[in-house]
Amino acid sequence: MKRKECNHKTGYYTCKRLRLLEYLRKEGFLPYMTLPDVDNPKYNVWRFKNTPELEEAIDKYFKEMK
């Protein structure tokens, strides 16, 4: 069986978009951490464990947005 590998080098994915967060939650992915945004502390970002399945869901989300 072929093992899927992540495209991103880090072990986590940082989500800055509320709509993407809602989509990922609906798909069954839950963030493990909520942090203030470094660029704008008035907003939060959400950190997910990076997996090939998460990357597929993110790719699908952005394809649907087009």
PDB file of N, CA and C in Angstrom:
ATOM      1  N   MET A   1       0.839  -1.188   0.000  1.00  0.00           N
ATOM      2  CA  MET A   1       0.000   0.000   0.000  1.00  0.00           C
ATOM      3  C   MET A   1       0.880   1.246   0.000  1.00  0.00           C
ATOM      4  N   LYS A   2       0.571   2.183  -0.878  1.00  0.00           N
ATOM      5  CA  LYS A   2       1.356   3.405  -1.000  1.00  0.00           C
ATOM      6  C   LYS A   2       1.003   4.357   0.131  1.00  0.00           C
ATOM      7  N   ARG A   3       2.020   4.889   0.789  1.00  0.00           N
ATOM      8  CA  ARG A   3       1.815   5.811   1.904  1.00  0.00           C
ATOM      9  C   ARG A   3       1.764   7.245   1.381  1.00  0.00           C
ATOM     10  N   LYS A   4       0.747   7.985   1.811  1.00  0.00           N
ATOM     11  CA  LYS A   4       0.637   9.388   1.411  1.00  0.00           C
ATOM     12  C   LYS A   4       1.585  10.223   2.257  1.00  0.00           C
ATOM     13  N   GLU A   5       2.142  11.247   1.639  1.00  0.00           N
ATOM     14  CA  GLU A   5       3.029  12.143   2.358  1.00  0.00           C
ATOM     15  C   GLU A   5       2.487  13.568   2.284  1.00  0.00           C
ATOM     16  N   CYS A   6       2.819  14.350   3.294  1.00  0.00           N
ATOM     17  CA  CYS A   6       2.382  15.743   3.353  1.00  0.00           C
ATOM     18  C   CYS A   6       3.229  16.601   2.418  1.00  0.00           C
ATOM     19  N   ASN A   7       2.592  17.598   1.822  1.00  0.00           N
ATOM     20  CA  ASN A   7       3.311  18.524   0.957  1.00  0.00           C
ATOM     21  C   ASN A   7       4.061  19.574   1.771  1.00  0.00           C
ATOM     22  N   HIS A   8       3.497  19.973   2.878  1.00  0.00           N
ATOM     23  CA  HIS A   8       4.110  20.997   3.718  1.00  0.00           C
ATOM     24  C   HIS A   8       5.165  20.380   4.620  1.00  0.00           C
ATOM     25  N   LYS A   9       6.186  21.123   4.917  1.00  0.00           N
ATOM     26  CA  LYS A   9       7.312  20.603   5.693  1.00  0.00           C
ATOM     27  C   LYS A   9       7.020  20.573   7.197  1.00  0.00           C
ATOM     28  N   THR A  10       6.184  21.461   7.695  1.00  0.00           N
ATOM     29  CA  THR A  10       5.936  21.518   9.133  1.00  0.00           C
ATOM     30  C   THR A  10       4.921  20.461   9.559  1.00  0.00           C
ATOM     31  N   GLY A  11       4.898  20.168  10.841  1.00  0.00           N
ATOM     32  CA  GLY A  11       3.980  19.176  11.377  1.00  0.00           C
ATOM     33  C   GLY A  11       2.614  19.737  11.699  1.00  0.00           C
ATOM     34  N   TYR A  12       2.415  21.025  11.391  1.00  0.00           N
ATOM     35  CA  TYR A  12       1.127  21.650  11.674  1.00  0.00           C
ATOM     36  C   TYR A  12       0.713  22.575  10.539  1.00  0.00           C
ATOM     37  N   TYR A  13      -0.581  22.876  10.506  1.00  0.00           N
ATOM     38  CA  TYR A  13      -1.133  23.830   9.543  1.00  0.00           C
ATOM     39  C   TYR A  13      -1.825  24.917  10.332  1.00  0.00           C
ATOM     40  N   THR A  14      -1.524  26.168  10.039  1.00  0.00           N
ATOM     41  CA  THR A  14      -2.152  27.295  10.719  1.00  0.00           C
ATOM     42  C   THR A  14      -3.241  27.866   9.826  1.00  0.00           C
ATOM     43  N   CYS A  15      -4.454  27.858  10.327  1.00  0.00           N
ATOM     44  CA  CYS A  15      -5.615  28.365   9.607  1.00  0.00           C
ATOM     45  C   CYS A  15      -5.927  29.771  10.097  1.00  0.00           C
ATOM     46  N   LYS A  16      -6.013  30.718   9.164  1.00  0.00           N
ATOM     47  CA  LYS A  16      -6.324  32.098   9.511  1.00  0.00           C
ATOM     48  C   LYS A  16      -7.727  32.506   9.074  1.00  0.00           C
ATOM     49  N   ARG A  17      -8.435  31.639   8.361  1.00  0.00           N
ATOM     50  CA  ARG A  17      -9.746  31.981   7.806  1.00  0.00           C
ATOM     51  C   ARG A  17     -10.861  31.281   8.571  1.00  0.00           C
ATOM     52  N   LEU A  18     -11.815  32.057   9.039  1.00  0.00           N
ATOM     53  CA  LEU A  18     -12.928  31.506   9.809  1.00  0.00           C
ATOM     54  C   LEU A  18     -13.761  30.540   8.973  1.00  0.00           C
ATOM     55  N   ARG A  19     -13.992  30.867   7.712  1.00  0.00           N
ATOM     56  CA  ARG A  19     -14.778  29.965   6.852  1.00  0.00           C
ATOM     57  C   ARG A  19     -14.058  28.644   6.603  1.00  0.00           C
ATOM     58  N   LEU A  20     -12.754  28.691   6.449  1.00  0.00           N
ATOM     59  CA  LEU A  20     -11.979  27.456   6.295  1.00  0.00           C
ATOM     60  C   LEU A  20     -12.044  26.648   7.584  1.00  0.00           C
ATOM     61  N   LEU A  21     -11.952  27.307   8.723  1.00  0.00           N
ATOM     62  CA  LEU A  21     -12.082  26.622  10.004  1.00  0.00           C
ATOM     63  C   LEU A  21     -13.423  25.907  10.095  1.00  0.00           C
ATOM     64  N   GLU A  22     -14.495  26.590   9.739  1.00  0.00           N
ATOM     65  CA  GLU A  22     -15.827  25.981   9.781  1.00  0.00           C
ATOM     66  C   GLU A  22     -15.909  24.780   8.845  1.00  0.00           C
ATOM     67  N   TYR A  23     -15.331  24.915   7.660  1.00  0.00           N
ATOM     68  CA  TYR A  23     -15.324  23.811   6.688  1.00  0.00           C
ATOM     69  C   TYR A  23     -14.557  22.611   7.249  1.00  0.00           C
ATOM     70  N   LEU A  24     -13.379  22.862   7.802  1.00  0.00           N
ATOM     71  CA  LEU A  24     -12.570  21.769   8.328  1.00  0.00           C
ATOM     72  C   LEU A  24     -13.261  21.075   9.493  1.00  0.00           C
ATOM     73  N   ARG A  25     -13.910  21.839  10.339  1.00  0.00           N
ATOM     74  CA  ARG A  25     -14.665  21.237  11.447  1.00  0.00           C
ATOM     75  C   ARG A  25     -15.790  20.360  10.922  1.00  0.00           C
ATOM     76  N   LYS A  26     -16.464  20.849   9.889  1.00  0.00           N
ATOM     77  CA  LYS A  26     -17.552  20.068   9.294  1.00  0.00           C
ATOM     78  C   LYS A  26     -17.031  18.763   8.693  1.00  0.00           C
ATOM     79  N   GLU A  27     -15.779  18.788   8.211  1.00  0.00           N
ATOM     80  CA  GLU A  27     -15.153  17.604   7.628  1.00  0.00           C
ATOM     81  C   GLU A  27     -14.557  16.678   8.695  1.00  0.00           C
ATOM     82  N   GLY A  28     -14.643  17.089   9.961  1.00  0.00           N
ATOM     83  CA  GLY A  28     -14.182  16.224  11.044  1.00  0.00           C
ATOM     84  C   GLY A  28     -12.801  16.535  11.595  1.00  0.00           C
ATOM     85  N   PHE A  29     -12.209  17.629  11.169  1.00  0.00           N
ATOM     86  CA  PHE A  29     -10.891  18.026  11.672  1.00  0.00           C
ATOM     87  C   PHE A  29     -11.073  19.066  12.768  1.00  0.00           C
ATOM     88  N   LEU A  30     -10.396  18.868  13.879  1.00  0.00           N
ATOM     89  CA  LEU A  30     -10.490  19.805  14.993  1.00  0.00           C
ATOM     90  C   LEU A  30      -9.120  20.400  15.287  1.00  0.00           C
ATOM     91  N   PRO A  31      -9.063  21.707  15.509  1.00  0.00           N
ATOM     92  CA  PRO A  31      -7.779  22.325  15.831  1.00  0.00           C
ATOM     93  C   PRO A  31      -7.337  21.896  17.229  1.00  0.00           C
ATOM     94  N   TYR A  32      -6.040  21.817  17.411  1.00  0.00           N
ATOM     95  CA  TYR A  32      -5.540  21.468  18.739  1.00  0.00           C
ATOM     96  C   TYR A  32      -5.094  22.693  19.525  1.00  0.00           C
ATOM     97  N   MET A  33      -5.086  23.855  18.850  1.00  0.00           N
ATOM     98  CA  MET A  33      -4.648  25.058  19.535  1.00  0.00           C
ATOM     99  C   MET A  33      -5.267  26.294  18.871  1.00  0.00           C
ATOM    100  N   THR A  34      -5.649  27.256  19.691  1.00  0.00           N
ATOM    101  CA  THR A  34      -6.114  28.562  19.221  1.00  0.00           C
ATOM    102  C   THR A  34      -5.140  29.599  19.763  1.00  0.00           C
ATOM    103  N   LEU A  35      -4.641  30.438  18.857  1.00  0.00           N
ATOM    104  CA  LEU A  35      -3.637  31.434  19.218  1.00  0.00           C
ATOM    105  C   LEU A  35      -4.034  32.797  18.682  1.00  0.00           C
ATOM    106  N   PRO A  36      -3.537  33.886  19.287  1.00  0.00           N
ATOM    107  CA  PRO A  36      -3.738  35.206  18.676  1.00  0.00           C
ATOM    108  C   PRO A  36      -2.894  35.306  17.403  1.00  0.00           C
ATOM    109  N   ASP A  37      -3.434  35.957  16.399  1.00  0.00           N
ATOM    110  CA  ASP A  37      -2.717  36.151  15.139  1.00  0.00           C
ATOM    111  C   ASP A  37      -1.522  37.069  15.383  1.00  0.00           C
ATOM    112  N   VAL A  38      -0.365  36.654  14.926  1.00  0.00           N
ATOM    113  CA  VAL A  38       0.859  37.437  15.111  1.00  0.00           C
ATOM    114  C   VAL A  38       0.754  38.768  14.385  1.00  0.00           C
ATOM    115  N   ASP A  39       0.137  38.761  13.191  1.00  0.00           N
ATOM    116  CA  ASP A  39       0.025  39.979  12.392  1.00  0.00           C
ATOM    117  C   ASP A  39      -1.040  40.925  12.926  1.00  0.00           C
ATOM    118  N   ASN A  40      -2.096  40.392  13.538  1.00  0.00           N
ATOM    119  CA  ASN A  40      -3.176  41.220  14.071  1.00  0.00           C
ATOM    120  C   ASN A  40      -3.742  40.536  15.317  1.00  0.00           C
ATOM    121  N   PRO A  41      -3.273  40.924  16.498  1.00  0.00           N
ATOM    122  CA  PRO A  41      -3.673  40.260  17.735  1.00  0.00           C
ATOM    123  C   PRO A  41      -5.175  40.346  18.070  1.00  0.00           C
ATOM    124  N   LYS A  42      -5.926  41.147  17.329  1.00  0.00           N
ATOM    125  CA  LYS A  42      -7.374  41.205  17.548  1.00  0.00           C
ATOM    126  C   LYS A  42      -8.063  39.936  17.032  1.00  0.00           C
ATOM    127  N   TYR A  43      -7.369  39.172  16.197  1.00  0.00           N
ATOM    128  CA  TYR A  43      -7.917  37.972  15.591  1.00  0.00           C
ATOM    129  C   TYR A  43      -7.193  36.730  16.099  1.00  0.00           C
ATOM    130  N   ASN A  44      -7.857  35.587  15.966  1.00  0.00           N
ATOM    131  CA  ASN A  44      -7.268  34.307  16.330  1.00  0.00           C
ATOM    132  C   ASN A  44      -6.890  33.519  15.087  1.00  0.00           C
ATOM    133  N   VAL A  45      -5.965  32.591  15.267  1.00  0.00           N
ATOM    134  CA  VAL A  45      -5.633  31.590  14.258  1.00  0.00           C
ATOM    135  C   VAL A  45      -5.776  30.229  14.933  1.00  0.00           C
ATOM    136  N   TRP A  46      -5.942  29.184  14.118  1.00  0.00           N
ATOM    137  CA  TRP A  46      -6.155  27.842  14.649  1.00  0.00           C
ATOM    138  C   TRP A  46      -5.116  26.914  14.062  1.00  0.00           C
ATOM    139  N   ARG A  47      -4.537  26.088  14.898  1.00  0.00           N
ATOM    140  CA  ARG A  47      -3.479  25.187  14.472  1.00  0.00           C
ATOM    141  C   ARG A  47      -4.012  23.751  14.440  1.00  0.00           C
ATOM    142  N   PHE A  48      -3.753  23.096  13.302  1.00  0.00           N
ATOM    143  CA  PHE A  48      -4.153  21.710  13.080  1.00  0.00           C
ATOM    144  C   PHE A  48      -2.917  20.852  12.903  1.00  0.00           C
ATOM    145  N   LYS A  49      -2.999  19.600  13.299  1.00  0.00           N
ATOM    146  CA  LYS A  49      -1.932  18.648  12.999  1.00  0.00           C
ATOM    147  C   LYS A  49      -1.962  18.404  11.490  1.00  0.00           C
ATOM    148  N   ASN A  50      -0.819  18.561  10.843  1.00  0.00           N
ATOM    149  CA  ASN A  50      -0.758  18.409   9.384  1.00  0.00           C
ATOM    150  C   ASN A  50      -0.748  16.934   9.010  1.00  0.00           C
ATOM    151  N   THR A  51      -1.711  16.551   8.192  1.00  0.00           N
ATOM    152  CA  THR A  51      -1.804  15.184   7.682  1.00  0.00           C
ATOM    153  C   THR A  51      -2.136  15.248   6.195  1.00  0.00           C
ATOM    154  N   PRO A  52      -1.887  14.187   5.463  1.00  0.00           N
ATOM    155  CA  PRO A  52      -2.278  14.176   4.049  1.00  0.00           C
ATOM    156  C   PRO A  52      -3.785  14.374   3.871  1.00  0.00           C
ATOM    157  N   GLU A  53      -4.589  13.837   4.789  1.00  0.00           N
ATOM    158  CA  GLU A  53      -6.040  13.992   4.704  1.00  0.00           C
ATOM    159  C   GLU A  53      -6.453  15.452   4.910  1.00  0.00           C
ATOM    160  N   LEU A  54      -5.785  16.132   5.841  1.00  0.00           N
ATOM    161  CA  LEU A  54      -6.068  17.560   6.063  1.00  0.00           C
ATOM    162  C   LEU A  54      -5.703  18.353   4.817  1.00  0.00           C
ATOM    163  N   GLU A  55      -4.563  18.068   4.224  1.00  0.00           N
ATOM    164  CA  GLU A  55      -4.146  18.785   3.015  1.00  0.00           C
ATOM    165  C   GLU A  55      -5.131  18.559   1.876  1.00  0.00           C
ATOM    166  N   GLU A  56      -5.657  17.343   1.758  1.00  0.00           N
ATOM    167  CA  GLU A  56      -6.660  17.072   0.721  1.00  0.00           C
ATOM    168  C   GLU A  56      -7.919  17.891   0.961  1.00  0.00           C
ATOM    169  N   ALA A  57      -8.343  17.987   2.212  1.00  0.00           N
ATOM    170  CA  ALA A  57      -9.542  18.767   2.544  1.00  0.00           C
ATOM    171  C   ALA A  57      -9.323  20.251   2.250  1.00  0.00           C
ATOM    172  N   ILE A  58      -8.145  20.758   2.548  1.00  0.00           N
ATOM    173  CA  ILE A  58      -7.837  22.167   2.282  1.00  0.00           C
ATOM    174  C   ILE A  58      -7.819  22.421   0.776  1.00  0.00           C
ATOM    175  N   ASP A  59      -7.189  21.523   0.021  1.00  0.00           N
ATOM    176  CA  ASP A  59      -7.172  21.658  -1.442  1.00  0.00           C
ATOM    177  C   ASP A  59      -8.589  21.648  -1.999  1.00  0.00           C
ATOM    178  N   LYS A  60      -9.419  20.752  -1.494  1.00  0.00           N
ATOM    179  CA  LYS A  60     -10.814  20.660  -1.940  1.00  0.00           C
ATOM    180  C   LYS A  60     -11.561  21.954  -1.632  1.00  0.00           C
ATOM    181  N   TYR A  61     -11.335  22.527  -0.451  1.00  0.00           N
ATOM    182  CA  TYR A  61     -11.990  23.778  -0.067  1.00  0.00           C
ATOM    183  C   TYR A  61     -11.636  24.896  -1.054  1.00  0.00           C
ATOM    184  N   PHE A  62     -10.361  25.050  -1.363  1.00  0.00           N
ATOM    185  CA  PHE A  62      -9.956  26.132  -2.253  1.00  0.00           C
ATOM    186  C   PHE A  62     -10.394  25.893  -3.692  1.00  0.00           C
ATOM    187  N   LYS A  63     -10.496  24.644  -4.130  1.00  0.00           N
ATOM    188  CA  LYS A  63     -11.028  24.357  -5.459  1.00  0.00           C
ATOM    189  C   LYS A  63     -12.494  24.720  -5.546  1.00  0.00           C
ATOM    190  N   GLU A  64     -13.244  24.456  -4.470  1.00  0.00           N
ATOM    191  CA  GLU A  64     -14.663  24.801  -4.440  1.00  0.00           C
ATOM    192  C   GLU A  64     -14.885  26.311  -4.406  1.00  0.00           C
ATOM    193  N   MET A  65     -13.930  27.046  -3.879  1.00  0.00           N
ATOM    194  CA  MET A  65     -14.045  28.509  -3.785  1.00  0.00           C
ATOM    195  C   MET A  65     -13.920  29.181  -5.150  1.00  0.00           C
ATOM    196  N   LYS A  66     -13.265  28.514  -6.099  1.00  0.00           N
ATOM    197  CA  LYS A  66     -13.058  29.117  -7.429  1.00  0.00           C
ATOM    198  C   LYS A  66     -14.293  29.117  -8.242  1.00  0.00           C
TER     199      LYS A  66
END
